[in-house]
Amino acid sequence: MSEFVLVILVTMGLSKVPSTYEIRVPKKTYKQCIEDSKTYKFPFEELHKVISVKTRCEKVIGKQKQLKNEKSI
């Protein structure tokens, strides 16, 4: 079971109402979570006004549900 979750928030503001998508990736340690969070930086400076990527690490509290393909949600 993973102890932490890397949360990746991708916001796209192409219209008047921006859309935000959340991706959760299980990580075994806080250190691994923090290191991996640094790899999700958006490389295109000119698109920063339209697309933004933010990351954070969260501690898993309680049991995670398991899907049929063995991925946690």
PDB file of N, CA and C in Angstrom:
ATOM      1  N   MET A   1       0.843  -1.180   0.000  1.00  0.00           N
ATOM      2  CA  MET A   1       0.000   0.000   0.000  1.00  0.00           C
ATOM      3  C   MET A   1       0.890   1.245   0.000  1.00  0.00           C
ATOM      4  N   SER A   2       0.468   2.239  -0.708  1.00  0.00           N
ATOM      5  CA  SER A   2       1.212   3.490  -0.788  1.00  0.00           C
ATOM      6  C   SER A   2       0.939   4.341   0.436  1.00  0.00           C
ATOM      7  N   GLU A   3       1.971   5.013   0.884  1.00  0.00           N
ATOM      8  CA  GLU A   3       1.843   5.901   2.036  1.00  0.00           C
ATOM      9  C   GLU A   3       1.449   7.320   1.622  1.00  0.00           C
ATOM     10  N   PHE A   4       1.840   7.701   0.401  1.00  0.00           N
ATOM     11  CA  PHE A   4       1.589   9.055  -0.080  1.00  0.00           C
ATOM     12  C   PHE A   4       1.013   9.018  -1.490  1.00  0.00           C
ATOM     13  N   VAL A   5       0.395  10.130  -1.875  1.00  0.00           N
ATOM     14  CA  VAL A   5      -0.157  10.274  -3.219  1.00  0.00           C
ATOM     15  C   VAL A   5       0.361  11.584  -3.797  1.00  0.00           C
ATOM     16  N   LEU A   6       0.913  11.500  -4.992  1.00  0.00           N
ATOM     17  CA  LEU A   6       1.316  12.695  -5.727  1.00  0.00           C
ATOM     18  C   LEU A   6       0.091  13.190  -6.478  1.00  0.00           C
ATOM     19  N   VAL A   7      -0.342  14.405  -6.173  1.00  0.00           N
ATOM     20  CA  VAL A   7      -1.517  14.996  -6.811  1.00  0.00           C
ATOM     21  C   VAL A   7      -1.019  15.992  -7.857  1.00  0.00           C
ATOM     22  N   ILE A   8      -1.452  15.807  -9.096  1.00  0.00           N
ATOM     23  CA  ILE A   8      -1.073  16.692 -10.196  1.00  0.00           C
ATOM     24  C   ILE A   8      -2.341  17.382 -10.684  1.00  0.00           C
ATOM     25  N   LEU A   9      -2.352  18.704 -10.629  1.00  0.00           N
ATOM     26  CA  LEU A   9      -3.496  19.489 -11.090  1.00  0.00           C
ATOM     27  C   LEU A   9      -3.119  20.202 -12.384  1.00  0.00           C
ATOM     28  N   VAL A  10      -3.852  19.905 -13.441  1.00  0.00           N
ATOM     29  CA  VAL A  10      -3.626  20.547 -14.737  1.00  0.00           C
ATOM     30  C   VAL A  10      -4.837  21.426 -15.017  1.00  0.00           C
ATOM     31  N   THR A  11      -4.613  22.733 -15.131  1.00  0.00           N
ATOM     32  CA  THR A  11      -5.693  23.678 -15.394  1.00  0.00           C
ATOM     33  C   THR A  11      -5.508  24.263 -16.783  1.00  0.00           C
ATOM     34  N   MET A  12      -6.580  24.206 -17.574  1.00  0.00           N
ATOM     35  CA  MET A  12      -6.561  24.759 -18.925  1.00  0.00           C
ATOM     36  C   MET A  12      -7.599  25.857 -19.017  1.00  0.00           C
ATOM     37  N   GLY A  13      -7.145  27.055 -19.302  1.00  0.00           N
ATOM     38  CA  GLY A  13      -8.036  28.196 -19.363  1.00  0.00           C
ATOM     39  C   GLY A  13      -8.263  28.683 -20.772  1.00  0.00           C
ATOM     40  N   LEU A  14      -8.621  27.801 -21.672  1.00  0.00           N
ATOM     41  CA  LEU A  14      -8.838  28.181 -23.066  1.00  0.00           C
ATOM     42  C   LEU A  14     -10.169  28.887 -23.274  1.00  0.00           C
ATOM     43  N   SER A  15     -11.091  28.736 -22.341  1.00  0.00           N
ATOM     44  CA  SER A  15     -12.390  29.399 -22.441  1.00  0.00           C
ATOM     45  C   SER A  15     -12.564  30.314 -21.235  1.00  0.00           C
ATOM     46  N   LYS A  16     -13.744  30.904 -21.099  1.00  0.00           N
ATOM     47  CA  LYS A  16     -13.999  31.794 -19.967  1.00  0.00           C
ATOM     48  C   LYS A  16     -14.004  31.041 -18.646  1.00  0.00           C
ATOM     49  N   VAL A  17     -14.394  29.768 -18.697  1.00  0.00           N
ATOM     50  CA  VAL A  17     -14.417  28.935 -17.495  1.00  0.00           C
ATOM     51  C   VAL A  17     -13.291  27.900 -17.614  1.00  0.00           C
ATOM     52  N   PRO A  18     -12.217  28.032 -16.821  1.00  0.00           N
ATOM     53  CA  PRO A  18     -11.111  27.080 -16.922  1.00  0.00           C
ATOM     54  C   PRO A  18     -11.509  25.682 -16.449  1.00  0.00           C
ATOM     55  N   SER A  19     -10.892  24.677 -17.046  1.00  0.00           N
ATOM     56  CA  SER A  19     -11.116  23.280 -16.662  1.00  0.00           C
ATOM     57  C   SER A  19      -9.896  22.783 -15.904  1.00  0.00           C
ATOM     58  N   THR A  20     -10.122  22.089 -14.790  1.00  0.00           N
ATOM     59  CA  THR A  20      -9.034  21.529 -14.001  1.00  0.00           C
ATOM     60  C   THR A  20      -9.180  20.019 -13.944  1.00  0.00           C
ATOM     61  N   TYR A  21      -8.082  19.336 -14.199  1.00  0.00           N
ATOM     62  CA  TYR A  21      -8.035  17.879 -14.151  1.00  0.00           C
ATOM     63  C   TYR A  21      -7.073  17.463 -13.049  1.00  0.00           C
ATOM     64  N   GLU A  22      -7.464  16.472 -12.280  1.00  0.00           N
ATOM     65  CA  GLU A  22      -6.644  15.996 -11.166  1.00  0.00           C
ATOM     66  C   GLU A  22      -6.193  14.568 -11.445  1.00  0.00           C
ATOM     67  N   ILE A  23      -4.891  14.351 -11.298  1.00  0.00           N
ATOM     68  CA  ILE A  23      -4.303  13.025 -11.475  1.00  0.00           C
ATOM     69  C   ILE A  23      -3.658  12.652 -10.146  1.00  0.00           C
ATOM     70  N   ARG A  24      -3.918  11.441  -9.658  1.00  0.00           N
ATOM     71  CA  ARG A  24      -3.351  10.968  -8.392  1.00  0.00           C
ATOM     72  C   ARG A  24      -2.464   9.760  -8.668  1.00  0.00           C
ATOM     73  N   VAL A  25      -1.189   9.864  -8.251  1.00  0.00           N
ATOM     74  CA  VAL A  25      -0.219   8.800  -8.480  1.00  0.00           C
ATOM     75  C   VAL A  25       0.302   8.310  -7.130  1.00  0.00           C
ATOM     76  N   PRO A  26       0.111   7.024  -6.786  1.00  0.00           N
ATOM     77  CA  PRO A  26       0.582   6.506  -5.500  1.00  0.00           C
ATOM     78  C   PRO A  26       2.110   6.499  -5.414  1.00  0.00           C
ATOM     79  N   LYS A  27       2.633   6.864  -4.238  1.00  0.00           N
ATOM     80  CA  LYS A  27       4.074   6.854  -3.970  1.00  0.00           C
ATOM     81  C   LYS A  27       4.311   6.197  -2.618  1.00  0.00           C
ATOM     82  N   LYS A  28       5.420   5.475  -2.490  1.00  0.00           N
ATOM     83  CA  LYS A  28       5.691   4.742  -1.252  1.00  0.00           C
ATOM     84  C   LYS A  28       6.227   5.633  -0.141  1.00  0.00           C
ATOM     85  N   THR A  29       7.017   6.649  -0.494  1.00  0.00           N
ATOM     86  CA  THR A  29       7.609   7.513   0.529  1.00  0.00           C
ATOM     87  C   THR A  29       7.374   8.979   0.189  1.00  0.00           C
ATOM     88  N   TYR A  30       7.481   9.823   1.214  1.00  0.00           N
ATOM     89  CA  TYR A  30       7.340  11.262   1.019  1.00  0.00           C
ATOM     90  C   TYR A  30       8.479  11.783   0.142  1.00  0.00           C
ATOM     91  N   LYS A  31       9.679  11.276   0.372  1.00  0.00           N
ATOM     92  CA  LYS A  31      10.836  11.714  -0.413  1.00  0.00           C
ATOM     93  C   LYS A  31      10.622  11.421  -1.902  1.00  0.00           C
ATOM     94  N   GLN A  32      10.152  10.227  -2.215  1.00  0.00           N
ATOM     95  CA  GLN A  32       9.879   9.863  -3.610  1.00  0.00           C
ATOM     96  C   GLN A  32       8.791  10.757  -4.196  1.00  0.00           C
ATOM     97  N   CYS A  33       7.781  11.054  -3.396  1.00  0.00           N
ATOM     98  CA  CYS A  33       6.688  11.909  -3.846  1.00  0.00           C
ATOM     99  C   CYS A  33       7.201  13.313  -4.195  1.00  0.00           C
ATOM    100  N   ILE A  34       8.000  13.883  -3.303  1.00  0.00           N
ATOM    101  CA  ILE A  34       8.549  15.227  -3.532  1.00  0.00           C
ATOM    102  C   ILE A  34       9.466  15.242  -4.752  1.00  0.00           C
ATOM    103  N   GLU A  35      10.334  14.236  -4.871  1.00  0.00           N
ATOM    104  CA  GLU A  35      11.243  14.181  -6.023  1.00  0.00           C
ATOM    105  C   GLU A  35      10.470  14.075  -7.333  1.00  0.00           C
ATOM    106  N   ASP A  36       9.460  13.220  -7.352  1.00  0.00           N
ATOM    107  CA  ASP A  36       8.662  13.054  -8.568  1.00  0.00           C
ATOM    108  C   ASP A  36       7.827  14.291  -8.886  1.00  0.00           C
ATOM    109  N   SER A  37       7.432  15.038  -7.869  1.00  0.00           N
ATOM    110  CA  SER A  37       6.627  16.238  -8.109  1.00  0.00           C
ATOM    111  C   SER A  37       7.413  17.295  -8.879  1.00  0.00           C
ATOM    112  N   LYS A  38       8.722  17.275  -8.755  1.00  0.00           N
ATOM    113  CA  LYS A  38       9.559  18.253  -9.448  1.00  0.00           C
ATOM    114  C   LYS A  38       9.650  17.980 -10.944  1.00  0.00           C
ATOM    115  N   THR A  39       9.280  16.771 -11.377  1.00  0.00           N
ATOM    116  CA  THR A  39       9.375  16.433 -12.800  1.00  0.00           C
ATOM    117  C   THR A  39       8.162  16.902 -13.593  1.00  0.00           C
ATOM    118  N   TYR A  40       7.138  17.385 -12.917  1.00  0.00           N
ATOM    119  CA  TYR A  40       5.898  17.792 -13.593  1.00  0.00           C
ATOM    120  C   TYR A  40       5.821  19.304 -13.754  1.00  0.00           C
ATOM    121  N   LYS A  41       6.853  19.898 -14.276  1.00  0.00           N
ATOM    122  CA  LYS A  41       6.857  21.330 -14.554  1.00  0.00           C
ATOM    123  C   LYS A  41       6.515  21.536 -16.022  1.00  0.00           C
ATOM    124  N   PHE A  42       5.647  22.493 -16.299  1.00  0.00           N
ATOM    125  CA  PHE A  42       5.216  22.742 -17.672  1.00  0.00           C
ATOM    126  C   PHE A  42       6.309  23.504 -18.414  1.00  0.00           C
ATOM    127  N   PRO A  43       6.852  22.946 -19.513  1.00  0.00           N
ATOM    128  CA  PRO A  43       8.036  23.513 -20.148  1.00  0.00           C
ATOM    129  C   PRO A  43       7.791  24.700 -21.078  1.00  0.00           C
ATOM    130  N   PHE A  44       6.557  24.969 -21.461  1.00  0.00           N
ATOM    131  CA  PHE A  44       6.300  25.996 -22.470  1.00  0.00           C
ATOM    132  C   PHE A  44       5.886  27.306 -21.814  1.00  0.00           C
ATOM    133  N   GLU A  45       6.844  28.196 -21.670  1.00  0.00           N
ATOM    134  CA  GLU A  45       6.616  29.472 -20.983  1.00  0.00           C
ATOM    135  C   GLU A  45       5.492  30.288 -21.614  1.00  0.00           C
ATOM    136  N   GLU A  46       5.402  30.297 -22.943  1.00  0.00           N
ATOM    137  CA  GLU A  46       4.398  31.125 -23.616  1.00  0.00           C
ATOM    138  C   GLU A  46       2.974  30.624 -23.390  1.00  0.00           C
ATOM    139  N   LEU A  47       2.805  29.373 -22.966  1.00  0.00           N
ATOM    140  CA  LEU A  47       1.465  28.832 -22.719  1.00  0.00           C
ATOM    141  C   LEU A  47       1.060  28.880 -21.249  1.00  0.00           C
ATOM    142  N   HIS A  48       1.917  29.437 -20.389  1.00  0.00           N
ATOM    143  CA  HIS A  48       1.606  29.487 -18.957  1.00  0.00           C
ATOM    144  C   HIS A  48       0.330  30.264 -18.659  1.00  0.00           C
ATOM    145  N   LYS A  49      -0.055  31.178 -19.538  1.00  0.00           N
ATOM    146  CA  LYS A  49      -1.288  31.939 -19.324  1.00  0.00           C
ATOM    147  C   LYS A  49      -2.520  31.077 -19.570  1.00  0.00           C
ATOM    148  N   VAL A  50      -2.370  30.003 -20.345  1.00  0.00           N
ATOM    149  CA  VAL A  50      -3.503  29.165 -20.721  1.00  0.00           C
ATOM    150  C   VAL A  50      -3.499  27.816 -20.000  1.00  0.00           C
ATOM    151  N   ILE A  51      -2.313  27.266 -19.741  1.00  0.00           N
ATOM    152  CA  ILE A  51      -2.204  25.958 -19.092  1.00  0.00           C
ATOM    153  C   ILE A  51      -1.268  26.078 -17.898  1.00  0.00           C
ATOM    154  N   SER A  52      -1.715  25.573 -16.750  1.00  0.00           N
ATOM    155  CA  SER A  52      -0.839  25.552 -15.583  1.00  0.00           C
ATOM    156  C   SER A  52      -0.830  24.151 -14.977  1.00  0.00           C
ATOM    157  N   VAL A  53       0.318  23.792 -14.395  1.00  0.00           N
ATOM    158  CA  VAL A  53       0.474  22.496 -13.739  1.00  0.00           C
ATOM    159  C   VAL A  53       0.957  22.749 -12.320  1.00  0.00           C
ATOM    160  N   LYS A  54       0.224  22.226 -11.344  1.00  0.00           N
ATOM    161  CA  LYS A  54       0.607  22.337  -9.935  1.00  0.00           C
ATOM    162  C   LYS A  54       0.641  20.938  -9.339  1.00  0.00           C
ATOM    163  N   THR A  55       1.575  20.718  -8.417  1.00  0.00           N
ATOM    164  CA  THR A  55       1.688  19.410  -7.775  1.00  0.00           C
ATOM    165  C   THR A  55       1.736  19.572  -6.263  1.00  0.00           C
ATOM    166  N   ARG A  56       1.335  18.487  -5.574  1.00  0.00           N
ATOM    167  CA  ARG A  56       1.462  18.451  -4.119  1.00  0.00           C
ATOM    168  C   ARG A  56       1.468  16.989  -3.683  1.00  0.00           C
ATOM    169  N   CYS A  57       1.955  16.737  -2.486  1.00  0.00           N
ATOM    170  CA  CYS A  57       1.968  15.390  -1.923  1.00  0.00           C
ATOM    171  C   CYS A  57       0.984  15.336  -0.766  1.00  0.00           C
ATOM    172  N   GLU A  58       0.214  14.251  -0.720  1.00  0.00           N
ATOM    173  CA  GLU A  58      -0.757  14.053   0.357  1.00  0.00           C
ATOM    174  C   GLU A  58      -0.506  12.707   1.012  1.00  0.00           C
ATOM    175  N   LYS A  59      -0.645  12.664   2.324  1.00  0.00           N
ATOM    176  CA  LYS A  59      -0.527  11.408   3.061  1.00  0.00           C
ATOM    177  C   LYS A  59      -1.833  10.642   2.918  1.00  0.00           C
ATOM    178  N   VAL A  60      -1.727   9.335   2.682  1.00  0.00           N
ATOM    179  CA  VAL A  60      -2.905   8.486   2.545  1.00  0.00           C
ATOM    180  C   VAL A  60      -3.427   8.164   3.939  1.00  0.00           C
ATOM    181  N   ILE A  61      -4.710   8.420   4.155  1.00  0.00           N
ATOM    182  CA  ILE A  61      -5.355   8.128   5.431  1.00  0.00           C
ATOM    183  C   ILE A  61      -6.425   7.081   5.176  1.00  0.00           C
ATOM    184  N   GLY A  62      -6.369   5.970   5.881  1.00  0.00           N
ATOM    185  CA  GLY A  62      -7.357   4.908   5.695  1.00  0.00           C
ATOM    186  C   GLY A  62      -6.984   3.990   4.553  1.00  0.00           C
ATOM    187  N   LYS A  63      -7.869   3.049   4.252  1.00  0.00           N
ATOM    188  CA  LYS A  63      -7.624   2.073   3.191  1.00  0.00           C
ATOM    189  C   LYS A  63      -8.025   2.642   1.842  1.00  0.00           C
ATOM    190  N   GLN A  64      -7.262   2.257   0.816  1.00  0.00           N
ATOM    191  CA  GLN A  64      -7.582   2.663  -0.548  1.00  0.00           C
ATOM    192  C   GLN A  64      -8.432   1.590  -1.200  1.00  0.00           C
ATOM    193  N   LYS A  65      -9.324   1.999  -2.088  1.00  0.00           N
ATOM    194  CA  LYS A  65     -10.113   1.052  -2.865  1.00  0.00           C
ATOM    195  C   LYS A  65      -9.238   0.482  -3.973  1.00  0.00           C
ATOM    196  N   GLN A  66      -9.428  -0.769  -4.300  1.00  0.00           N
ATOM    197  CA  GLN A  66      -8.668  -1.407  -5.370  1.00  0.00           C
ATOM    198  C   GLN A  66      -9.568  -1.639  -6.582  1.00  0.00           C
ATOM    199  N   LEU A  67      -9.068  -1.330  -7.747  1.00  0.00           N
ATOM    200  CA  LEU A  67      -9.775  -1.612  -8.989  1.00  0.00           C
ATOM    201  C   LEU A  67      -9.412  -3.015  -9.464  1.00  0.00           C
ATOM    202  N   LYS A  68     -10.105  -3.509 -10.453  1.00  0.00           N
ATOM    203  CA  LYS A  68      -9.840  -4.844 -10.991  1.00  0.00           C
ATOM    204  C   LYS A  68      -8.440  -4.968 -11.575  1.00  0.00           C
ATOM    205  N   ASN A  69      -7.901  -3.891 -12.115  1.00  0.00           N
ATOM    206  CA  ASN A  69      -6.569  -3.935 -12.718  1.00  0.00           C
ATOM    207  C   ASN A  69      -5.467  -3.600 -11.714  1.00  0.00           C
ATOM    208  N   GLU A  70      -5.783  -3.688 -10.429  1.00  0.00           N
ATOM    209  CA  GLU A  70      -4.822  -3.515  -9.334  1.00  0.00           C
ATOM    210  C   GLU A  70      -4.306  -2.098  -9.159  1.00  0.00           C
ATOM    211  N   LYS A  71      -4.989  -1.106  -9.674  1.00  0.00           N
ATOM    212  CA  LYS A  71      -4.580   0.274  -9.461  1.00  0.00           C
ATOM    213  C   LYS A  71      -5.418   0.875  -8.356  1.00  0.00           C
ATOM    214  N   SER A  72      -4.788   1.688  -7.522  1.00  0.00           N
ATOM    215  CA  SER A  72      -5.502   2.328  -6.419  1.00  0.00           C
ATOM    216  C   SER A  72      -6.254   3.546  -6.902  1.00  0.00           C
ATOM    217  N   ILE A  73      -7.359   3.841  -6.235  1.00  0.00           N
ATOM    218  CA  ILE A  73      -8.074   5.083  -6.524  1.00  0.00           C
ATOM    219  C   ILE A  73      -8.286   5.832  -5.228  1.00  0.00           C
TER     220      ILE A  73
END
